[in-house]
């Protein structure tokens, strides 16, 4: 269920997406609000789940995770039990940074980071391979990521 957002809410969300470290005073000034109403709005956006957290954006290469892999996963059976087992398994793996249920020939799309190709191979064979409900994995190695947007286009 979506939350009704007015123009001030959208302005606050856009400002926070660009810089989540803005002080309440700076944020209030950008939205043409006084401090207390601004703080109340941000708290409401947090309480309703519109703002789900605050994060630091890291450069993968600078933290020795230069390999990005998209792995298409096929499950051995199309059941809620198999899906639940798979999702629990991959959620516990730190290298899996996103997991999406998809339509088409595959059941899931994983976004995985690794130090290098041998470490991804190790991960695929041992961590993913340990999940008994996986019947197939097709990996696509990203050669170069030209950009990655993390800011949603709120209008």
N, C-alpha and C. Protein backbone atom coordinates (compact mmCIF):
# COMPACT_ATOMS: atom_id res chain seq x y z
N UNK A 1 0.84 -1.17 0.00
CA UNK A 1 0.00 0.00 0.00
C UNK A 1 0.89 1.24 0.00
N UNK A 2 0.67 2.14 -0.92
CA UNK A 2 1.51 3.33 -1.00
C UNK A 2 0.97 4.43 -0.09
N UNK A 3 1.85 5.32 0.27
CA UNK A 3 1.53 6.44 1.15
C UNK A 3 1.29 7.66 0.28
N UNK A 4 0.29 8.47 0.63
CA UNK A 4 0.07 9.72 -0.10
C UNK A 4 1.20 10.69 0.21
N UNK A 5 1.87 11.11 -0.82
CA UNK A 5 2.99 12.03 -0.66
C UNK A 5 2.63 13.36 -1.30
N UNK A 6 2.78 14.44 -0.55
CA UNK A 6 2.54 15.75 -1.15
C UNK A 6 3.87 16.30 -1.69
N UNK A 7 3.82 17.50 -2.24
CA UNK A 7 5.01 18.10 -2.86
C UNK A 7 6.15 18.27 -1.86
N UNK A 8 5.83 18.63 -0.63
CA UNK A 8 6.89 18.82 0.39
C UNK A 8 7.55 17.47 0.74
N UNK A 9 6.72 16.42 0.86
CA UNK A 9 7.27 15.09 1.14
C UNK A 9 8.23 14.68 0.03
N UNK A 10 7.82 14.88 -1.21
CA UNK A 10 8.64 14.50 -2.36
C UNK A 10 9.94 15.31 -2.39
N UNK A 11 9.85 16.58 -2.04
CA UNK A 11 11.04 17.41 -2.00
C UNK A 11 12.00 16.89 -0.92
N UNK A 12 11.46 16.55 0.25
CA UNK A 12 12.30 16.00 1.32
C UNK A 12 12.95 14.68 0.89
N UNK A 13 12.17 13.81 0.27
CA UNK A 13 12.70 12.52 -0.17
C UNK A 13 13.81 12.69 -1.20
N UNK A 14 13.60 13.57 -2.16
CA UNK A 14 14.64 13.81 -3.16
C UNK A 14 15.90 14.37 -2.52
N UNK A 15 15.75 15.31 -1.60
CA UNK A 15 16.91 15.89 -0.94
C UNK A 15 17.66 14.82 -0.15
N UNK A 16 16.94 13.97 0.59
CA UNK A 16 17.59 12.93 1.38
C UNK A 16 18.24 11.86 0.51
N UNK A 17 17.65 11.56 -0.65
CA UNK A 17 18.28 10.59 -1.55
C UNK A 17 19.63 11.10 -2.05
N UNK A 18 19.73 12.39 -2.27
CA UNK A 18 20.98 12.96 -2.76
C UNK A 18 22.00 13.15 -1.65
N UNK A 19 21.51 13.39 -0.43
CA UNK A 19 22.43 13.57 0.69
C UNK A 19 21.68 13.26 1.99
N UNK A 20 21.79 12.03 2.45
CA UNK A 20 21.09 11.60 3.67
C UNK A 20 21.72 12.18 4.93
N UNK A 21 22.82 12.87 4.79
CA UNK A 21 23.49 13.45 5.95
C UNK A 21 23.11 14.90 6.18
N UNK A 22 22.14 15.40 5.42
CA UNK A 22 21.69 16.78 5.63
C UNK A 22 21.16 16.94 7.05
N UNK A 23 21.49 18.06 7.65
CA UNK A 23 20.93 18.34 8.97
C UNK A 23 19.45 18.66 8.81
N UNK A 24 18.71 18.53 9.88
CA UNK A 24 17.28 18.85 9.83
C UNK A 24 17.08 20.31 9.43
N UNK A 25 17.93 21.19 9.91
CA UNK A 25 17.82 22.61 9.57
C UNK A 25 18.01 22.83 8.07
N UNK A 26 19.02 22.18 7.48
CA UNK A 26 19.25 22.31 6.03
C UNK A 26 18.10 21.71 5.24
N UNK A 27 17.61 20.58 5.70
CA UNK A 27 16.50 19.92 5.03
C UNK A 27 15.25 20.80 5.10
N UNK A 28 14.99 21.36 6.25
CA UNK A 28 13.83 22.24 6.43
C UNK A 28 13.93 23.45 5.51
N UNK A 29 15.12 24.00 5.39
CA UNK A 29 15.33 25.16 4.52
C UNK A 29 15.04 24.81 3.06
N UNK A 30 15.51 23.64 2.62
CA UNK A 30 15.28 23.21 1.24
C UNK A 30 13.78 23.05 0.95
N UNK A 31 13.02 22.61 1.95
CA UNK A 31 11.59 22.36 1.77
C UNK A 31 10.75 23.56 2.16
N UNK A 32 11.41 24.65 2.57
CA UNK A 32 10.70 25.86 3.00
C UNK A 32 9.75 25.55 4.16
N UNK A 33 10.30 24.84 5.14
CA UNK A 33 9.55 24.47 6.34
C UNK A 33 10.35 24.93 7.56
N UNK A 34 9.68 25.02 8.69
CA UNK A 34 10.43 25.24 9.93
C UNK A 34 10.92 23.88 10.42
N UNK A 35 11.83 23.88 11.38
CA UNK A 35 12.49 22.65 11.82
C UNK A 35 11.53 21.58 12.32
N UNK A 36 10.60 21.95 13.21
CA UNK A 36 9.72 20.95 13.83
C UNK A 36 8.80 20.26 12.81
N UNK A 37 8.11 20.99 11.94
CA UNK A 37 7.28 20.30 10.94
C UNK A 37 8.11 19.42 9.99
N UNK A 38 9.32 19.85 9.69
CA UNK A 38 10.20 19.06 8.83
C UNK A 38 10.55 17.75 9.52
N UNK A 39 10.93 17.84 10.78
CA UNK A 39 11.28 16.65 11.55
C UNK A 39 10.09 15.70 11.65
N UNK A 40 8.88 16.25 11.86
CA UNK A 40 7.67 15.42 11.93
C UNK A 40 7.42 14.70 10.61
N UNK A 41 7.61 15.40 9.50
CA UNK A 41 7.40 14.79 8.18
C UNK A 41 8.40 13.65 7.95
N UNK A 42 9.65 13.88 8.25
CA UNK A 42 10.68 12.85 8.06
C UNK A 42 10.37 11.65 8.95
N UNK A 43 9.96 11.90 10.18
CA UNK A 43 9.61 10.80 11.09
C UNK A 43 8.43 10.01 10.54
N UNK A 44 7.42 10.70 10.00
CA UNK A 44 6.27 10.00 9.41
C UNK A 44 6.70 9.17 8.20
N UNK A 45 7.60 9.70 7.39
CA UNK A 45 8.10 8.95 6.24
C UNK A 45 8.89 7.72 6.69
N UNK A 46 9.59 7.82 7.79
CA UNK A 46 10.30 6.67 8.35
C UNK A 46 9.31 5.66 8.94
N UNK A 47 8.36 6.15 9.72
CA UNK A 47 7.39 5.28 10.40
C UNK A 47 6.51 4.51 9.42
N UNK A 48 6.20 5.12 8.28
CA UNK A 48 5.35 4.44 7.28
C UNK A 48 6.16 3.56 6.33
N UNK A 49 7.49 3.57 6.48
CA UNK A 49 8.33 2.71 5.66
C UNK A 49 8.73 3.30 4.32
N UNK A 50 8.33 4.54 4.04
CA UNK A 50 8.76 5.17 2.79
C UNK A 50 10.28 5.33 2.82
N UNK A 51 10.81 5.79 3.95
CA UNK A 51 12.26 5.80 4.17
C UNK A 51 12.57 4.53 4.94
N UNK A 52 13.30 3.62 4.29
CA UNK A 52 13.57 2.32 4.93
C UNK A 52 14.93 2.26 5.59
N UNK A 53 15.76 3.28 5.42
CA UNK A 53 17.07 3.28 6.05
C UNK A 53 17.97 4.33 5.44
N UNK A 54 19.14 4.46 6.01
CA UNK A 54 20.16 5.39 5.53
C UNK A 54 21.43 4.59 5.34
N UNK A 55 22.09 4.78 4.19
CA UNK A 55 23.23 3.94 3.84
C UNK A 55 24.37 4.76 3.25
N UNK A 56 25.56 4.25 3.40
CA UNK A 56 26.72 4.83 2.73
C UNK A 56 26.92 4.09 1.42
N UNK A 57 27.12 4.81 0.34
CA UNK A 57 27.39 4.21 -0.97
C UNK A 57 28.89 3.95 -1.05
N UNK A 58 29.25 2.70 -1.32
CA UNK A 58 30.66 2.31 -1.37
C UNK A 58 31.08 1.99 -2.80
N UNK A 59 32.33 2.23 -3.10
CA UNK A 59 32.91 1.85 -4.38
C UNK A 59 33.40 0.41 -4.23
N UNK A 60 32.79 -0.52 -4.96
CA UNK A 60 33.12 -1.95 -4.84
C UNK A 60 34.61 -2.21 -5.02
N UNK A 61 35.21 -1.59 -6.01
CA UNK A 61 36.63 -1.84 -6.29
C UNK A 61 37.51 -1.40 -5.12
N UNK A 62 37.13 -0.32 -4.45
CA UNK A 62 37.92 0.19 -3.33
C UNK A 62 37.86 -0.73 -2.11
N UNK A 63 36.84 -1.60 -2.05
CA UNK A 63 36.74 -2.54 -0.93
C UNK A 63 37.00 -3.97 -1.39
N UNK A 64 37.73 -4.08 -2.50
CA UNK A 64 38.20 -5.36 -3.03
C UNK A 64 37.07 -6.32 -3.43
N UNK A 65 36.02 -5.76 -4.03
CA UNK A 65 34.92 -6.56 -4.58
C UNK A 65 34.65 -6.09 -6.01
N UNK A 66 35.64 -6.26 -6.86
CA UNK A 66 35.57 -5.68 -8.21
C UNK A 66 34.72 -6.50 -9.19
N UNK A 67 34.36 -7.72 -8.84
CA UNK A 67 33.57 -8.57 -9.74
C UNK A 67 32.09 -8.44 -9.39
N UNK A 68 31.27 -8.15 -10.41
CA UNK A 68 29.82 -8.10 -10.26
C UNK A 68 29.23 -9.15 -11.19
N UNK A 69 28.37 -9.99 -10.64
CA UNK A 69 27.80 -11.11 -11.39
C UNK A 69 26.28 -11.05 -11.26
N UNK A 70 25.60 -11.28 -12.37
CA UNK A 70 24.16 -11.51 -12.36
C UNK A 70 23.98 -13.01 -12.59
N UNK A 71 23.38 -13.68 -11.63
CA UNK A 71 23.19 -15.13 -11.72
C UNK A 71 21.70 -15.43 -11.85
N UNK A 72 21.35 -16.12 -12.93
CA UNK A 72 19.97 -16.55 -13.16
C UNK A 72 19.83 -17.94 -12.56
N UNK A 73 18.84 -18.11 -11.70
CA UNK A 73 18.67 -19.34 -10.93
C UNK A 73 17.38 -20.03 -11.33
N UNK A 74 17.48 -21.33 -11.57
CA UNK A 74 16.32 -22.18 -11.83
C UNK A 74 16.18 -23.12 -10.65
N UNK A 75 14.98 -23.18 -10.06
CA UNK A 75 14.74 -24.10 -8.95
C UNK A 75 14.32 -25.46 -9.49
N UNK A 76 14.55 -26.49 -8.68
CA UNK A 76 14.22 -27.86 -9.09
C UNK A 76 12.71 -28.10 -9.09
N UNK A 77 11.98 -27.32 -8.32
CA UNK A 77 10.52 -27.44 -8.31
C UNK A 77 9.90 -26.08 -8.02
N UNK A 78 8.74 -25.86 -8.56
CA UNK A 78 8.05 -24.58 -8.40
C UNK A 78 7.05 -24.68 -7.24
N UNK A 79 7.59 -24.70 -6.02
CA UNK A 79 6.74 -24.79 -4.84
C UNK A 79 7.13 -23.69 -3.85
N UNK A 80 6.19 -23.38 -2.98
CA UNK A 80 6.47 -22.37 -1.95
C UNK A 80 7.59 -22.83 -1.03
N UNK A 81 7.64 -24.13 -0.76
CA UNK A 81 8.69 -24.67 0.12
C UNK A 81 10.06 -24.49 -0.50
N UNK A 82 10.19 -24.82 -1.77
CA UNK A 82 11.48 -24.66 -2.46
C UNK A 82 11.88 -23.19 -2.50
N UNK A 83 10.94 -22.32 -2.81
CA UNK A 83 11.22 -20.89 -2.87
C UNK A 83 11.69 -20.38 -1.51
N UNK A 84 11.01 -20.79 -0.46
CA UNK A 84 11.36 -20.36 0.89
C UNK A 84 12.77 -20.85 1.27
N UNK A 85 13.07 -22.11 0.99
CA UNK A 85 14.40 -22.64 1.28
C UNK A 85 15.48 -21.88 0.52
N UNK A 86 15.23 -21.63 -0.76
CA UNK A 86 16.21 -20.90 -1.57
C UNK A 86 16.41 -19.48 -1.03
N UNK A 87 15.32 -18.78 -0.78
CA UNK A 87 15.42 -17.40 -0.32
C UNK A 87 16.14 -17.31 1.02
N UNK A 88 15.87 -18.22 1.93
CA UNK A 88 16.58 -18.25 3.21
C UNK A 88 18.07 -18.49 3.00
N UNK A 89 18.37 -19.42 2.09
CA UNK A 89 19.77 -19.76 1.83
C UNK A 89 20.54 -18.56 1.30
N UNK A 90 20.02 -17.89 0.27
CA UNK A 90 20.79 -16.80 -0.34
C UNK A 90 20.78 -15.54 0.51
N UNK A 91 19.74 -15.35 1.32
CA UNK A 91 19.72 -14.16 2.19
C UNK A 91 20.85 -14.22 3.21
N UNK A 92 21.26 -15.40 3.58
CA UNK A 92 22.33 -15.54 4.57
C UNK A 92 23.72 -15.38 3.95
N UNK A 93 23.81 -15.30 2.64
CA UNK A 93 25.09 -15.15 1.96
C UNK A 93 25.42 -13.67 1.75
N UNK A 94 26.49 -13.19 2.36
CA UNK A 94 26.87 -11.78 2.28
C UNK A 94 27.16 -11.31 0.86
N UNK A 95 27.67 -12.20 0.01
CA UNK A 95 28.03 -11.81 -1.35
C UNK A 95 26.81 -11.55 -2.23
N UNK A 96 25.65 -12.06 -1.85
CA UNK A 96 24.43 -11.82 -2.61
C UNK A 96 23.86 -10.49 -2.14
N UNK A 97 23.89 -9.49 -3.02
CA UNK A 97 23.45 -8.16 -2.61
C UNK A 97 22.02 -7.85 -3.05
N UNK A 98 21.46 -8.66 -3.94
CA UNK A 98 20.04 -8.54 -4.24
C UNK A 98 19.53 -9.87 -4.79
N UNK A 99 18.26 -10.11 -4.54
CA UNK A 99 17.60 -11.33 -4.99
C UNK A 99 16.21 -10.94 -5.47
N UNK A 100 15.89 -11.26 -6.72
CA UNK A 100 14.60 -10.91 -7.29
C UNK A 100 13.93 -12.14 -7.89
N UNK A 101 12.63 -12.27 -7.66
CA UNK A 101 11.83 -13.28 -8.34
C UNK A 101 11.54 -12.73 -9.72
N UNK A 102 11.78 -13.53 -10.75
CA UNK A 102 11.59 -13.05 -12.12
C UNK A 102 10.67 -14.00 -12.90
N UNK A 103 10.19 -13.50 -14.02
CA UNK A 103 9.39 -14.34 -14.91
C UNK A 103 10.27 -14.83 -16.05
N UNK A 104 9.82 -15.84 -16.74
CA UNK A 104 10.58 -16.36 -17.87
C UNK A 104 11.16 -17.73 -17.56
N UNK A 105 12.27 -18.03 -18.18
CA UNK A 105 12.90 -19.35 -18.06
C UNK A 105 13.51 -19.62 -16.70
N UNK A 106 13.84 -18.56 -15.98
CA UNK A 106 14.48 -18.71 -14.67
C UNK A 106 13.52 -18.23 -13.60
N UNK A 107 13.81 -18.63 -12.37
CA UNK A 107 12.95 -18.28 -11.24
C UNK A 107 13.44 -17.06 -10.47
N UNK A 108 14.77 -16.89 -10.40
CA UNK A 108 15.36 -15.81 -9.61
C UNK A 108 16.52 -15.17 -10.36
N UNK A 109 16.78 -13.92 -10.02
CA UNK A 109 17.97 -13.21 -10.48
C UNK A 109 18.71 -12.73 -9.24
N UNK A 110 19.97 -13.14 -9.12
CA UNK A 110 20.81 -12.72 -8.01
C UNK A 110 21.85 -11.73 -8.51
N UNK A 111 22.13 -10.74 -7.70
CA UNK A 111 23.25 -9.83 -7.94
C UNK A 111 24.29 -10.19 -6.89
N UNK A 112 25.47 -10.56 -7.36
CA UNK A 112 26.51 -11.11 -6.48
C UNK A 112 27.81 -10.33 -6.69
N UNK A 113 28.51 -10.05 -5.60
CA UNK A 113 29.82 -9.42 -5.69
C UNK A 113 30.89 -10.42 -5.25
N UNK A 114 32.08 -10.27 -5.82
CA UNK A 114 33.19 -11.15 -5.48
C UNK A 114 34.51 -10.40 -5.67
N UNK A 115 35.52 -10.91 -5.01
CA UNK A 115 36.86 -10.31 -5.11
C UNK A 115 37.44 -10.51 -6.51
N UNK A 116 37.29 -11.71 -7.04
CA UNK A 116 37.84 -12.05 -8.35
C UNK A 116 37.08 -13.26 -8.89
N UNK A 117 37.42 -13.69 -10.10
CA UNK A 117 36.70 -14.81 -10.71
C UNK A 117 36.87 -16.12 -9.93
N UNK A 118 38.08 -16.46 -9.46
CA UNK A 118 38.18 -17.70 -8.66
C UNK A 118 37.30 -17.67 -7.40
N UNK A 119 37.19 -16.51 -6.76
CA UNK A 119 36.35 -16.46 -5.56
C UNK A 119 34.87 -16.57 -5.93
N UNK A 120 34.46 -16.05 -7.11
CA UNK A 120 33.08 -16.26 -7.54
C UNK A 120 32.84 -17.75 -7.85
N UNK A 121 33.81 -18.38 -8.53
CA UNK A 121 33.66 -19.81 -8.83
C UNK A 121 33.50 -20.61 -7.54
N UNK A 122 34.32 -20.30 -6.56
CA UNK A 122 34.23 -20.96 -5.24
C UNK A 122 32.84 -20.75 -4.64
N UNK A 123 32.36 -19.52 -4.69
CA UNK A 123 31.04 -19.20 -4.15
C UNK A 123 29.94 -19.98 -4.88
N UNK A 124 30.00 -19.97 -6.20
CA UNK A 124 28.96 -20.66 -6.99
C UNK A 124 28.95 -22.17 -6.72
N UNK A 125 30.12 -22.76 -6.64
CA UNK A 125 30.20 -24.22 -6.44
C UNK A 125 29.87 -24.64 -5.01
N UNK A 126 30.32 -23.85 -4.04
CA UNK A 126 30.20 -24.29 -2.65
C UNK A 126 29.00 -23.68 -1.92
N UNK A 127 28.82 -22.37 -2.01
CA UNK A 127 27.70 -21.76 -1.29
C UNK A 127 26.38 -21.96 -2.04
N UNK A 128 26.34 -21.55 -3.31
CA UNK A 128 25.11 -21.76 -4.07
C UNK A 128 24.88 -23.25 -4.32
N UNK A 129 25.94 -23.96 -4.63
CA UNK A 129 25.83 -25.39 -4.90
C UNK A 129 25.32 -26.20 -3.72
N UNK A 130 25.46 -25.66 -2.52
CA UNK A 130 24.97 -26.35 -1.32
C UNK A 130 23.46 -26.27 -1.17
N UNK A 131 22.83 -25.42 -1.95
CA UNK A 131 21.37 -25.28 -1.87
C UNK A 131 20.73 -26.34 -2.77
N UNK A 132 20.13 -27.33 -2.16
CA UNK A 132 19.63 -28.51 -2.89
C UNK A 132 18.43 -28.23 -3.79
N UNK A 133 17.77 -27.08 -3.65
CA UNK A 133 16.60 -26.80 -4.50
C UNK A 133 16.98 -26.07 -5.79
N UNK A 134 18.27 -25.78 -5.98
CA UNK A 134 18.73 -25.15 -7.23
C UNK A 134 19.00 -26.25 -8.25
N UNK A 135 18.38 -26.11 -9.43
CA UNK A 135 18.65 -27.07 -10.50
C UNK A 135 19.54 -26.49 -11.58
N UNK A 136 19.70 -25.17 -11.61
CA UNK A 136 20.55 -24.58 -12.63
C UNK A 136 20.93 -23.16 -12.29
N UNK A 137 22.16 -22.78 -12.69
CA UNK A 137 22.68 -21.43 -12.50
C UNK A 137 23.29 -20.99 -13.81
N UNK A 138 22.91 -19.82 -14.28
CA UNK A 138 23.55 -19.22 -15.45
C UNK A 138 24.09 -17.87 -15.02
N UNK A 139 25.40 -17.72 -15.09
CA UNK A 139 26.06 -16.50 -14.60
C UNK A 139 26.45 -15.59 -15.75
N UNK A 140 26.26 -14.31 -15.53
CA UNK A 140 26.71 -13.28 -16.46
C UNK A 140 27.64 -12.36 -15.70
N UNK A 141 28.89 -12.28 -16.14
CA UNK A 141 29.89 -11.44 -15.49
C UNK A 141 29.82 -10.05 -16.11
N UNK A 142 29.73 -9.04 -15.27
CA UNK A 142 29.71 -7.66 -15.75
C UNK A 142 31.15 -7.26 -16.07
N UNK A 143 31.39 -6.87 -17.30
CA UNK A 143 32.73 -6.44 -17.70
C UNK A 143 33.02 -5.02 -17.24
N UNK A 144 32.01 -4.16 -17.37
CA UNK A 144 32.17 -2.76 -16.96
C UNK A 144 30.78 -2.23 -16.65
N UNK A 145 30.62 -1.65 -15.50
CA UNK A 145 29.34 -1.01 -15.17
C UNK A 145 29.51 0.48 -15.47
N UNK A 146 28.72 0.96 -16.42
CA UNK A 146 28.86 2.36 -16.82
C UNK A 146 28.23 3.31 -15.82
N UNK A 147 27.16 2.89 -15.17
CA UNK A 147 26.59 3.65 -14.07
C UNK A 147 25.60 2.77 -13.32
N UNK A 148 25.32 3.15 -12.09
CA UNK A 148 24.31 2.47 -11.28
C UNK A 148 23.58 3.55 -10.50
N UNK A 149 22.33 3.73 -10.79
CA UNK A 149 21.55 4.74 -10.08
C UNK A 149 20.93 4.12 -8.85
N UNK A 150 20.99 4.83 -7.78
CA UNK A 150 20.36 4.40 -6.53
C UNK A 150 19.28 5.39 -6.12
N UNK A 151 19.12 6.44 -6.91
CA UNK A 151 18.14 7.49 -6.60
C UNK A 151 16.88 7.23 -7.42
N UNK A 152 15.75 7.12 -6.74
CA UNK A 152 14.47 6.89 -7.42
C UNK A 152 13.93 8.20 -7.96
N UNK A 153 13.34 8.21 -9.15
CA UNK A 153 12.82 9.44 -9.75
C UNK A 153 11.45 9.81 -9.18
N UNK A 154 11.46 10.48 -8.04
CA UNK A 154 10.22 10.87 -7.37
C UNK A 154 9.76 12.21 -7.92
N UNK A 155 8.53 12.21 -8.42
CA UNK A 155 7.98 13.46 -8.98
C UNK A 155 6.64 13.76 -8.35
